[in-house]
Amino acid sequence: MIPIASIVIGDEELLEKAIKRFKRQVEKEGIIREWKKREFYEKPSTIRNRKKKSMERKRLKKLRKLGQMRSH
């Protein structure tokens, strides 16, 4: 089953406020991010390369952080 963001609007609630709440809910659930990720086909090798580069960036960032902590 596909999760669908939904909100319940109160009788006295303004439409603009309800729309803002709905947008926050959609953003929190990551629906837009997932849609953008699946919008175009991505080859498996491209996915692997992107993940590999991401992991390398995280590793280098962690090393830099550890280096700064040691120098203080």
PDB file of N, CA and C in Angstrom:
ATOM      1  N   MET A   1       0.832  -1.174   0.000  1.00  0.00           N
ATOM      2  CA  MET A   1       0.000   0.000   0.000  1.00  0.00           C
ATOM      3  C   MET A   1       0.879   1.241   0.000  1.00  0.00           C
ATOM      4  N   ILE A   2       0.511   2.226  -0.779  1.00  0.00           N
ATOM      5  CA  ILE A   2       1.267   3.462  -0.904  1.00  0.00           C
ATOM      6  C   ILE A   2       0.799   4.440   0.172  1.00  0.00           C
ATOM      7  N   PRO A   3       1.733   4.957   0.988  1.00  0.00           N
ATOM      8  CA  PRO A   3       1.320   5.928   1.999  1.00  0.00           C
ATOM      9  C   PRO A   3       0.939   7.249   1.339  1.00  0.00           C
ATOM     10  N   ILE A   4      -0.182   7.774   1.737  1.00  0.00           N
ATOM     11  CA  ILE A   4      -0.662   9.034   1.181  1.00  0.00           C
ATOM     12  C   ILE A   4      -0.786  10.031   2.318  1.00  0.00           C
ATOM     13  N   ALA A   5      -0.203  11.211   2.125  1.00  0.00           N
ATOM     14  CA  ALA A   5      -0.287  12.253   3.139  1.00  0.00           C
ATOM     15  C   ALA A   5      -1.712  12.788   3.156  1.00  0.00           C
ATOM     16  N   SER A   6      -2.260  12.917   4.342  1.00  0.00           N
ATOM     17  CA  SER A   6      -3.605  13.491   4.454  1.00  0.00           C
ATOM     18  C   SER A   6      -3.701  14.264   5.757  1.00  0.00           C
ATOM     19  N   ILE A   7      -4.585  15.246   5.758  1.00  0.00           N
ATOM     20  CA  ILE A   7      -4.829  16.041   6.957  1.00  0.00           C
ATOM     21  C   ILE A   7      -6.323  16.186   7.131  1.00  0.00           C
ATOM     22  N   VAL A   8      -6.739  16.456   8.343  1.00  0.00           N
ATOM     23  CA  VAL A   8      -8.144  16.715   8.631  1.00  0.00           C
ATOM     24  C   VAL A   8      -8.270  18.202   8.912  1.00  0.00           C
ATOM     25  N   ILE A   9      -9.170  18.858   8.194  1.00  0.00           N
ATOM     26  CA  ILE A   9      -9.350  20.299   8.325  1.00  0.00           C
ATOM     27  C   ILE A   9     -10.494  20.574   9.296  1.00  0.00           C
ATOM     28  N   GLY A  10     -10.201  21.399  10.295  1.00  0.00           N
ATOM     29  CA  GLY A  10     -11.227  21.771  11.275  1.00  0.00           C
ATOM     30  C   GLY A  10     -12.203  22.775  10.682  1.00  0.00           C
ATOM     31  N   ASP A  11     -13.349  22.948  11.342  1.00  0.00           N
ATOM     32  CA  ASP A  11     -14.383  23.871  10.853  1.00  0.00           C
ATOM     33  C   ASP A  11     -13.900  25.313  10.803  1.00  0.00           C
ATOM     34  N   GLU A  12     -13.133  25.718  11.780  1.00  0.00           N
ATOM     35  CA  GLU A  12     -12.690  27.114  11.876  1.00  0.00           C
ATOM     36  C   GLU A  12     -11.302  27.354  11.277  1.00  0.00           C
ATOM     37  N   GLU A  13     -10.665  26.316  10.752  1.00  0.00           N
ATOM     38  CA  GLU A  13      -9.296  26.440  10.239  1.00  0.00           C
ATOM     39  C   GLU A  13      -9.281  27.110   8.870  1.00  0.00           C
ATOM     40  N   LEU A  14      -8.350  28.015   8.692  1.00  0.00           N
ATOM     41  CA  LEU A  14      -8.199  28.694   7.408  1.00  0.00           C
ATOM     42  C   LEU A  14      -7.583  27.744   6.387  1.00  0.00           C
ATOM     43  N   LEU A  15      -7.996  27.900   5.123  1.00  0.00           N
ATOM     44  CA  LEU A  15      -7.504  27.044   4.052  1.00  0.00           C
ATOM     45  C   LEU A  15      -5.987  27.166   3.893  1.00  0.00           C
ATOM     46  N   GLU A  16      -5.465  28.395   3.987  1.00  0.00           N
ATOM     47  CA  GLU A  16      -4.029  28.611   3.821  1.00  0.00           C
ATOM     48  C   GLU A  16      -3.234  27.849   4.886  1.00  0.00           C
ATOM     49  N   LYS A  17      -3.758  27.862   6.108  1.00  0.00           N
ATOM     50  CA  LYS A  17      -3.080  27.159   7.194  1.00  0.00           C
ATOM     51  C   LYS A  17      -3.109  25.649   6.956  1.00  0.00           C
ATOM     52  N   ALA A  18      -4.225  25.144   6.460  1.00  0.00           N
ATOM     53  CA  ALA A  18      -4.348  23.713   6.171  1.00  0.00           C
ATOM     54  C   ALA A  18      -3.392  23.304   5.043  1.00  0.00           C
ATOM     55  N   ILE A  19      -3.258  24.154   4.041  1.00  0.00           N
ATOM     56  CA  ILE A  19      -2.348  23.868   2.927  1.00  0.00           C
ATOM     57  C   ILE A  19      -0.907  23.822   3.432  1.00  0.00           C
ATOM     58  N   LYS A  20      -0.540  24.767   4.304  1.00  0.00           N
ATOM     59  CA  LYS A  20       0.810  24.762   4.881  1.00  0.00           C
ATOM     60  C   LYS A  20       1.066  23.474   5.654  1.00  0.00           C
ATOM     61  N   ARG A  21       0.075  23.060   6.433  1.00  0.00           N
ATOM     62  CA  ARG A  21       0.201  21.837   7.219  1.00  0.00           C
ATOM     63  C   ARG A  21       0.361  20.626   6.305  1.00  0.00           C
ATOM     64  N   PHE A  22      -0.394  20.611   5.208  1.00  0.00           N
ATOM     65  CA  PHE A  22      -0.304  19.512   4.239  1.00  0.00           C
ATOM     66  C   PHE A  22       1.079  19.478   3.592  1.00  0.00           C
ATOM     67  N   LYS A  23       1.589  20.639   3.213  1.00  0.00           N
ATOM     68  CA  LYS A  23       2.922  20.707   2.604  1.00  0.00           C
ATOM     69  C   LYS A  23       3.994  20.191   3.550  1.00  0.00           C
ATOM     70  N   ARG A  24       3.893  20.555   4.836  1.00  0.00           N
ATOM     71  CA  ARG A  24       4.849  20.060   5.829  1.00  0.00           C
ATOM     72  C   ARG A  24       4.770  18.542   5.944  1.00  0.00           C
ATOM     73  N   GLN A  25       3.549  18.013   5.921  1.00  0.00           N
ATOM     74  CA  GLN A  25       3.345  16.564   6.024  1.00  0.00           C
ATOM     75  C   GLN A  25       3.986  15.851   4.832  1.00  0.00           C
ATOM     76  N   VAL A  26       3.770  16.387   3.636  1.00  0.00           N
ATOM     77  CA  VAL A  26       4.335  15.793   2.416  1.00  0.00           C
ATOM     78  C   VAL A  26       5.860  15.836   2.474  1.00  0.00           C
ATOM     79  N   GLU A  27       6.401  16.962   2.920  1.00  0.00           N
ATOM     80  CA  GLU A  27       7.858  17.104   3.019  1.00  0.00           C
ATOM     81  C   GLU A  27       8.421  16.131   4.056  1.00  0.00           C
ATOM     82  N   LYS A  28       7.740  15.998   5.182  1.00  0.00           N
ATOM     83  CA  LYS A  28       8.190  15.106   6.254  1.00  0.00           C
ATOM     84  C   LYS A  28       8.214  13.651   5.793  1.00  0.00           C
ATOM     85  N   GLU A  29       7.232  13.259   5.013  1.00  0.00           N
ATOM     86  CA  GLU A  29       7.157  11.875   4.534  1.00  0.00           C
ATOM     87  C   GLU A  29       8.091  11.618   3.351  1.00  0.00           C
ATOM     88  N   GLY A  30       8.673  12.681   2.775  1.00  0.00           N
ATOM     89  CA  GLY A  30       9.633  12.521   1.690  1.00  0.00           C
ATOM     90  C   GLY A  30       9.005  12.149   0.353  1.00  0.00           C
ATOM     91  N   ILE A  31       7.759  12.515   0.153  1.00  0.00           N
ATOM     92  CA  ILE A  31       7.053  12.142  -1.072  1.00  0.00           C
ATOM     93  C   ILE A  31       7.652  12.841  -2.288  1.00  0.00           C
ATOM     94  N   ILE A  32       7.911  14.134  -2.184  1.00  0.00           N
ATOM     95  CA  ILE A  32       8.465  14.893  -3.311  1.00  0.00           C
ATOM     96  C   ILE A  32       9.867  14.391  -3.651  1.00  0.00           C
ATOM     97  N   ARG A  33      10.671  14.146  -2.618  1.00  0.00           N
ATOM     98  CA  ARG A  33      12.037  13.650  -2.840  1.00  0.00           C
ATOM     99  C   ARG A  33      12.006  12.312  -3.577  1.00  0.00           C
ATOM    100  N   GLU A  34      11.114  11.433  -3.133  1.00  0.00           N
ATOM    101  CA  GLU A  34      10.991  10.113  -3.757  1.00  0.00           C
ATOM    102  C   GLU A  34      10.522  10.240  -5.207  1.00  0.00           C
ATOM    103  N   TRP A  35       9.583  11.134  -5.446  1.00  0.00           N
ATOM    104  CA  TRP A  35       9.064  11.335  -6.802  1.00  0.00           C
ATOM    105  C   TRP A  35      10.179  11.835  -7.723  1.00  0.00           C
ATOM    106  N   LYS A  36      10.965  12.809  -7.246  1.00  0.00           N
ATOM    107  CA  LYS A  36      12.055  13.335  -8.067  1.00  0.00           C
ATOM    108  C   LYS A  36      13.094  12.258  -8.351  1.00  0.00           C
ATOM    109  N   LYS A  37      13.329  11.393  -7.353  1.00  0.00           N
ATOM    110  CA  LYS A  37      14.308  10.327  -7.528  1.00  0.00           C
ATOM    111  C   LYS A  37      13.862   9.331  -8.587  1.00  0.00           C
ATOM    112  N   ARG A  38      12.558   9.093  -8.673  1.00  0.00           N
ATOM    113  CA  ARG A  38      12.033   8.107  -9.613  1.00  0.00           C
ATOM    114  C   ARG A  38      11.527   8.711 -10.918  1.00  0.00           C
ATOM    115  N   GLU A  39      11.645  10.023 -11.064  1.00  0.00           N
ATOM    116  CA  GLU A  39      11.106  10.698 -12.249  1.00  0.00           C
ATOM    117  C   GLU A  39      11.751  10.188 -13.535  1.00  0.00           C
ATOM    118  N   PHE A  40      13.061   9.950 -13.503  1.00  0.00           N
ATOM    119  CA  PHE A  40      13.775   9.474 -14.674  1.00  0.00           C
ATOM    120  C   PHE A  40      14.502   8.178 -14.334  1.00  0.00           C
ATOM    121  N   TYR A  41      14.641   7.319 -15.316  1.00  0.00           N
ATOM    122  CA  TYR A  41      15.357   6.062 -15.109  1.00  0.00           C
ATOM    123  C   TYR A  41      16.827   6.349 -14.878  1.00  0.00           C
ATOM    124  N   GLU A  42      17.398   5.660 -13.928  1.00  0.00           N
ATOM    125  CA  GLU A  42      18.817   5.796 -13.640  1.00  0.00           C
ATOM    126  C   GLU A  42      19.443   4.411 -13.693  1.00  0.00           C
ATOM    127  N   LYS A  43      20.491   4.290 -14.499  1.00  0.00           N
ATOM    128  CA  LYS A  43      21.140   2.990 -14.642  1.00  0.00           C
ATOM    129  C   LYS A  43      21.717   2.535 -13.307  1.00  0.00           C
ATOM    130  N   PRO A  44      21.729   1.224 -13.074  1.00  0.00           N
ATOM    131  CA  PRO A  44      22.290   0.706 -11.823  1.00  0.00           C
ATOM    132  C   PRO A  44      23.738   1.141 -11.593  1.00  0.00           C
ATOM    133  N   SER A  45      24.534   1.221 -12.664  1.00  0.00           N
ATOM    134  CA  SER A  45      25.928   1.641 -12.500  1.00  0.00           C
ATOM    135  C   SER A  45      25.996   3.101 -12.045  1.00  0.00           C
ATOM    136  N   THR A  46      25.093   3.937 -12.529  1.00  0.00           N
ATOM    137  CA  THR A  46      25.054   5.336 -12.120  1.00  0.00           C
ATOM    138  C   THR A  46      24.688   5.448 -10.648  1.00  0.00           C
ATOM    139  N   ILE A  47      23.729   4.637 -10.214  1.00  0.00           N
ATOM    140  CA  ILE A  47      23.322   4.622  -8.809  1.00  0.00           C
ATOM    141  C   ILE A  47      24.501   4.214  -7.928  1.00  0.00           C
ATOM    142  N   ARG A  48      25.200   3.151  -8.334  1.00  0.00           N
ATOM    143  CA  ARG A  48      26.362   2.683  -7.568  1.00  0.00           C
ATOM    144  C   ARG A  48      27.427   3.772  -7.483  1.00  0.00           C
ATOM    145  N   ASN A  49      27.720   4.426  -8.618  1.00  0.00           N
ATOM    146  CA  ASN A  49      28.744   5.471  -8.638  1.00  0.00           C
ATOM    147  C   ASN A  49      28.347   6.641  -7.741  1.00  0.00           C
ATOM    148  N   ARG A  50      27.088   7.037  -7.772  1.00  0.00           N
ATOM    149  CA  ARG A  50      26.612   8.146  -6.951  1.00  0.00           C
ATOM    150  C   ARG A  50      26.744   7.802  -5.465  1.00  0.00           C
ATOM    151  N   LYS A  51      26.352   6.581  -5.093  1.00  0.00           N
ATOM    152  CA  LYS A  51      26.449   6.155  -3.693  1.00  0.00           C
ATOM    153  C   LYS A  51      27.914   6.061  -3.255  1.00  0.00           C
ATOM    154  N   LYS A  52      28.768   5.569  -4.155  1.00  0.00           N
ATOM    155  CA  LYS A  52      30.192   5.446  -3.842  1.00  0.00           C
ATOM    156  C   LYS A  52      30.809   6.824  -3.581  1.00  0.00           C
ATOM    157  N   LYS A  53      30.478   7.794  -4.444  1.00  0.00           N
ATOM    158  CA  LYS A  53      30.997   9.152  -4.271  1.00  0.00           C
ATOM    159  C   LYS A  53      30.479   9.771  -2.979  1.00  0.00           C
ATOM    160  N   SER A  54      29.228   9.519  -2.676  1.00  0.00           N
ATOM    161  CA  SER A  54      28.631  10.044  -1.448  1.00  0.00           C
ATOM    162  C   SER A  54      29.332   9.485  -0.217  1.00  0.00           C
ATOM    163  N   MET A  55      29.579   8.192  -0.218  1.00  0.00           N
ATOM    164  CA  MET A  55      30.260   7.563   0.909  1.00  0.00           C
ATOM    165  C   MET A  55      31.685   8.109   1.060  1.00  0.00           C
ATOM    166  N   GLU A  56      32.364   8.346  -0.057  1.00  0.00           N
ATOM    167  CA  GLU A  56      33.722   8.887  -0.023  1.00  0.00           C
ATOM    168  C   GLU A  56      33.715  10.301   0.564  1.00  0.00           C
ATOM    169  N   ARG A  57      32.736  11.120   0.167  1.00  0.00           N
ATOM    170  CA  ARG A  57      32.627  12.469   0.722  1.00  0.00           C
ATOM    171  C   ARG A  57      32.393  12.415   2.231  1.00  0.00           C
ATOM    172  N   LYS A  58      31.523  11.515   2.682  1.00  0.00           N
ATOM    173  CA  LYS A  58      31.252  11.371   4.116  1.00  0.00           C
ATOM    174  C   LYS A  58      32.505  10.939   4.862  1.00  0.00           C
ATOM    175  N   ARG A  59      33.257  10.012   4.265  1.00  0.00           N
ATOM    176  CA  ARG A  59      34.474   9.516   4.892  1.00  0.00           C
ATOM    177  C   ARG A  59      35.495  10.640   5.037  1.00  0.00           C
ATOM    178  N   LEU A  60      35.685  11.438   3.970  1.00  0.00           N
ATOM    179  CA  LEU A  60      36.639  12.542   4.017  1.00  0.00           C
ATOM    180  C   LEU A  60      36.206  13.601   5.022  1.00  0.00           C
ATOM    181  N   LYS A  61      34.915  13.866   5.098  1.00  0.00           N
ATOM    182  CA  LYS A  61      34.406  14.848   6.049  1.00  0.00           C
ATOM    183  C   LYS A  61      34.673  14.386   7.477  1.00  0.00           C
ATOM    184  N   LYS A  62      34.466  13.097   7.712  1.00  0.00           N
ATOM    185  CA  LYS A  62      34.705  12.535   9.043  1.00  0.00           C
ATOM    186  C   LYS A  62      36.184  12.624   9.407  1.00  0.00           C
ATOM    187  N   LEU A  63      37.054  12.332   8.434  1.00  0.00           N
ATOM    188  CA  LEU A  63      38.500  12.421   8.673  1.00  0.00           C
ATOM    189  C   LEU A  63      38.918  13.860   8.990  1.00  0.00           C
ATOM    190  N   ARG A  64      38.362  14.828   8.242  1.00  0.00           N
ATOM    191  CA  ARG A  64      38.679  16.239   8.496  1.00  0.00           C
ATOM    192  C   ARG A  64      38.222  16.635   9.891  1.00  0.00           C
ATOM    193  N   LYS A  65      37.046  16.189  10.275  1.00  0.00           N
ATOM    194  CA  LYS A  65      36.504  16.518  11.580  1.00  0.00           C
ATOM    195  C   LYS A  65      37.382  15.943  12.692  1.00  0.00           C
ATOM    196  N   LEU A  66      37.805  14.692  12.522  1.00  0.00           N
ATOM    197  CA  LEU A  66      38.677  14.064  13.507  1.00  0.00           C
ATOM    198  C   LEU A  66      40.015  14.801  13.579  1.00  0.00           C
ATOM    199  N   GLY A  67      40.544  15.245  12.447  1.00  0.00           N
ATOM    200  CA  GLY A  67      41.799  15.971  12.417  1.00  0.00           C
ATOM    201  C   GLY A  67      41.696  17.296  13.144  1.00  0.00           C
ATOM    202  N   GLN A  68      40.581  17.984  13.001  1.00  0.00           N
ATOM    203  CA  GLN A  68      40.390  19.265  13.681  1.00  0.00           C
ATOM    204  C   GLN A  68      40.242  19.056  15.181  1.00  0.00           C
ATOM    205  N   MET A  69      39.570  17.980  15.578  1.00  0.00           N
ATOM    206  CA  MET A  69      39.374  17.726  16.997  1.00  0.00           C
ATOM    207  C   MET A  69      40.710  17.428  17.683  1.00  0.00           C
ATOM    208  N   ARG A  70      41.614  16.743  16.990  1.00  0.00           N
ATOM    209  CA  ARG A  70      42.908  16.395  17.568  1.00  0.00           C
ATOM    210  C   ARG A  70      43.811  17.615  17.717  1.00  0.00           C
ATOM    211  N   SER A  71      43.680  18.584  16.800  1.00  0.00           N
ATOM    212  CA  SER A  71      44.547  19.757  16.831  1.00  0.00           C
ATOM    213  C   SER A  71      44.142  20.742  17.922  1.00  0.00           C
ATOM    214  N   HIS A  72      42.933  20.645  18.459  1.00  0.00           N
ATOM    215  CA  HIS A  72      42.488  21.566  19.515  1.00  0.00           C
ATOM    216  C   HIS A  72      42.843  21.097  20.853  1.00  0.00           C
TER     217      HIS A  72
END
